[in-house]
Amino acid sequence: MLGVVDLFIRRAVPDDVTTLHRFVIELAAAEDFPCTVEATPDDLAEALFGTRPVAEAIVATIDGEPAGFALYYLAYSTILGRPTLHLEDLYVSPAARNNGLGVALFQHLSAEAVARGCGRFEWWVLHQRRRDPLLPPSGRTNSRRDPGDAPRRRGTQASRQRPVT
């Protein structure tokens, strides 16, 4: 049985760049990327906190220590006439797994998409991870919520819908 942990999710700040970069390198190694990570801490700092940020990140901590992150950005749907929140990376360090941290990060971003009025929340899952039962498949979540309406995930077939868990 897992013990009780103090889990907290917050927006990344410039002081997190070194940790975020380390997490990106760990993610690439865990996913067996065929090349080295070219992004530097300076690249991340510019992308997240420069004069024209192109992405945002959240950091998850357990008992005050960084344990995972998610990096995301907004796109625009001309069809919906609303923004789309696109999840680029979600990573939980091996020592912090099995505490619900990945689910908490995912739920945090889903709520963020709703709060920002996004029409969709999109993500992709790498081939290596598609069989992970704890990982949602690639897809979209309708982030518009009507009272009493359960959010739905749309898979590769538009007619196939399952509740998001």
Protein backbone atom coordinates (compact mmCIF):
# COMPACT_ATOMS: atom_id res chain seq x y z
CA MET A 1 0.00 0.00 0.00
CA LEU A 2 1.28 3.44 -0.89
CA GLY A 3 1.79 6.03 1.81
CA VAL A 4 0.20 9.45 1.86
CA VAL A 5 2.16 12.02 -0.16
CA ASP A 6 1.92 15.78 -0.44
CA LEU A 7 1.23 16.28 -4.15
CA PHE A 8 1.18 19.81 -5.57
CA ILE A 9 0.93 21.12 -9.14
CA ARG A 10 2.02 24.65 -10.02
CA ARG A 11 2.97 26.73 -13.03
CA ALA A 12 6.64 26.49 -13.96
CA VAL A 13 8.83 29.48 -13.14
CA PRO A 14 12.23 30.41 -14.61
CA ASP A 15 14.05 28.70 -11.74
CA ASP A 16 12.53 25.38 -12.92
CA VAL A 17 14.27 25.39 -16.31
CA THR A 18 17.20 23.19 -15.25
CA THR A 19 14.82 20.63 -13.72
CA LEU A 20 12.54 20.73 -16.76
CA HIS A 21 15.52 20.16 -19.04
CA ARG A 22 16.61 17.18 -16.93
CA PHE A 23 13.08 15.77 -17.16
CA VAL A 24 13.11 16.20 -20.97
CA ILE A 25 16.38 14.25 -21.16
CA GLU A 26 14.95 11.52 -18.87
CA LEU A 27 11.80 11.37 -21.01
CA ALA A 28 13.83 10.99 -24.21
CA ALA A 29 15.90 8.19 -22.64
CA ALA A 30 12.80 6.42 -21.31
CA GLU A 31 11.15 6.56 -24.74
CA ASP A 32 14.29 5.37 -26.55
CA PHE A 33 14.41 8.43 -28.80
CA PRO A 34 16.76 7.69 -31.70
CA CYS A 35 18.67 10.96 -31.33
CA THR A 36 19.99 13.16 -28.57
CA VAL A 37 18.01 16.04 -27.09
CA GLU A 38 19.07 19.16 -28.94
CA ALA A 39 17.09 21.60 -26.80
CA THR A 40 19.21 23.36 -24.20
CA PRO A 41 18.08 24.92 -20.92
CA ASP A 42 18.38 28.30 -22.68
CA ASP A 43 16.06 27.07 -25.45
CA LEU A 44 13.49 26.00 -22.86
CA ALA A 45 13.83 29.29 -20.99
CA GLU A 46 13.20 31.25 -24.19
CA ALA A 47 10.26 29.06 -25.21
CA LEU A 48 8.59 29.29 -21.80
CA PHE A 49 9.61 32.69 -20.46
CA GLY A 50 11.08 34.72 -23.34
CA THR A 51 9.64 37.86 -24.86
CA ARG A 52 7.21 35.76 -26.96
CA PRO A 53 6.59 32.49 -25.09
CA VAL A 54 5.43 29.66 -27.34
CA ALA A 55 4.70 27.08 -24.64
CA GLU A 56 3.79 26.74 -20.99
CA ALA A 57 4.66 24.16 -18.37
CA ILE A 58 3.41 22.92 -15.05
CA VAL A 59 5.54 21.20 -12.44
CA ALA A 60 4.31 18.50 -10.09
CA THR A 61 5.98 18.11 -6.73
CA ILE A 62 5.76 15.36 -4.16
CA ASP A 63 6.68 16.34 -0.64
CA GLY A 64 8.13 19.58 -2.05
CA GLU A 65 10.46 17.93 -4.60
CA PRO A 66 9.93 18.16 -8.39
CA ALA A 67 8.59 14.82 -9.57
CA GLY A 68 7.12 15.47 -13.01
CA PHE A 69 5.97 18.03 -15.52
CA ALA A 70 3.74 18.71 -18.46
CA LEU A 71 4.57 21.05 -21.34
CA TYR A 72 1.74 22.37 -23.49
CA TYR A 73 0.75 25.12 -25.86
CA LEU A 74 -2.35 26.63 -27.42
CA ALA A 75 -3.31 26.28 -31.05
CA TYR A 76 -6.39 27.63 -32.77
CA SER A 77 -9.18 25.70 -34.46
CA THR A 78 -10.67 27.59 -37.38
CA ILE A 79 -13.52 25.07 -37.45
CA LEU A 80 -14.46 25.54 -33.79
CA GLY A 81 -13.43 29.17 -33.62
CA ARG A 82 -11.80 28.40 -30.28
CA PRO A 83 -8.36 27.55 -28.95
CA THR A 84 -7.08 24.01 -28.56
CA LEU A 85 -4.78 23.03 -25.70
CA HIS A 86 -2.11 20.64 -27.04
CA LEU A 87 -0.15 18.53 -24.56
CA GLU A 88 3.38 18.11 -25.92
CA ASP A 89 5.06 16.21 -23.07
CA LEU A 90 3.94 14.68 -19.81
CA TYR A 91 6.55 12.98 -17.64
CA VAL A 92 6.71 11.56 -14.14
CA SER A 93 10.09 10.50 -12.77
CA PRO A 94 10.35 6.76 -12.05
CA ALA A 95 10.69 7.26 -8.29
CA ALA A 96 7.43 9.24 -8.21
CA ARG A 97 5.26 6.85 -10.19
CA ASN A 98 2.25 4.99 -8.79
CA ASN A 99 1.14 7.99 -6.72
CA GLY A 100 -1.47 9.25 -9.18
CA LEU A 101 0.79 12.05 -10.34
CA GLY A 102 0.36 11.42 -14.08
CA VAL A 103 -3.41 11.35 -13.73
CA ALA A 104 -3.29 14.52 -11.62
CA LEU A 105 -1.23 16.33 -14.28
CA PHE A 106 -3.63 15.20 -17.00
CA GLN A 107 -6.68 16.29 -14.99
CA HIS A 108 -5.05 19.64 -14.19
CA LEU A 109 -4.55 20.34 -17.91
CA SER A 110 -8.07 19.21 -18.73
CA ALA A 111 -9.41 21.71 -16.20
CA GLU A 112 -7.07 24.37 -17.64
CA ALA A 113 -8.50 23.73 -21.12
CA VAL A 114 -12.03 24.20 -19.78
CA ALA A 115 -11.05 27.37 -17.88
CA ARG A 116 -9.52 28.85 -21.04
CA GLY A 117 -12.56 28.08 -23.15
CA CYS A 118 -10.73 25.59 -25.34
CA GLY A 119 -12.79 23.57 -27.76
CA ARG A 120 -10.37 20.65 -27.54
CA PHE A 121 -7.57 19.15 -25.46
CA GLU A 122 -5.26 17.11 -27.69
CA TRP A 123 -2.35 14.77 -27.10
CA TRP A 124 -0.40 12.02 -28.84
CA VAL A 125 1.00 8.85 -27.35
CA LEU A 126 4.22 7.42 -28.74
CA HIS A 127 4.11 3.93 -30.21
CA GLN A 128 6.28 2.60 -27.38
CA ARG A 129 3.65 3.59 -24.81
CA ARG A 130 0.40 2.72 -26.57
CA ARG A 131 -0.03 -0.50 -24.64
CA ASP A 132 0.45 1.12 -21.24
CA PRO A 133 -2.91 0.55 -19.49
CA LEU A 134 -2.45 3.67 -17.36
CA LEU A 135 -1.95 5.95 -20.35
CA PRO A 136 -4.85 7.42 -22.31
CA PRO A 137 -4.66 6.71 -26.04
CA SER A 138 -3.92 9.48 -28.51
CA GLY A 139 -6.96 11.57 -29.04
CA ARG A 140 -8.95 14.59 -28.17
CA THR A 141 -11.08 15.52 -25.25
CA ASN A 142 -14.03 17.80 -25.75
CA SER A 143 -13.25 20.45 -23.17
CA ARG A 144 -16.59 22.24 -23.46
CA ARG A 145 -18.68 21.06 -20.56
CA ASP A 146 -22.37 21.51 -20.18
CA PRO A 147 -23.90 20.90 -16.74
CA GLY A 148 -24.33 17.17 -16.31
CA ASP A 149 -22.39 16.36 -19.49
CA ALA A 150 -19.57 13.87 -18.99
CA PRO A 151 -16.40 14.74 -20.89
CA ARG A 152 -15.73 12.40 -23.81
CA ARG A 153 -12.56 11.33 -25.56
CA ARG A 154 -12.63 10.92 -29.32
CA GLY A 155 -10.39 8.17 -30.65
CA THR A 156 -9.44 7.48 -34.23
CA GLN A 157 -13.07 6.85 -35.19
CA ALA A 158 -15.41 9.75 -34.57
CA SER A 159 -18.26 7.40 -33.73
CA ARG A 160 -16.29 5.63 -30.99
CA GLN A 161 -16.61 7.59 -27.75
CA ARG A 162 -15.75 6.54 -24.24
CA PRO A 163 -15.94 8.50 -20.99
CA VAL A 164 -12.65 10.02 -19.89
CA THR A 165 -11.50 8.49 -16.62
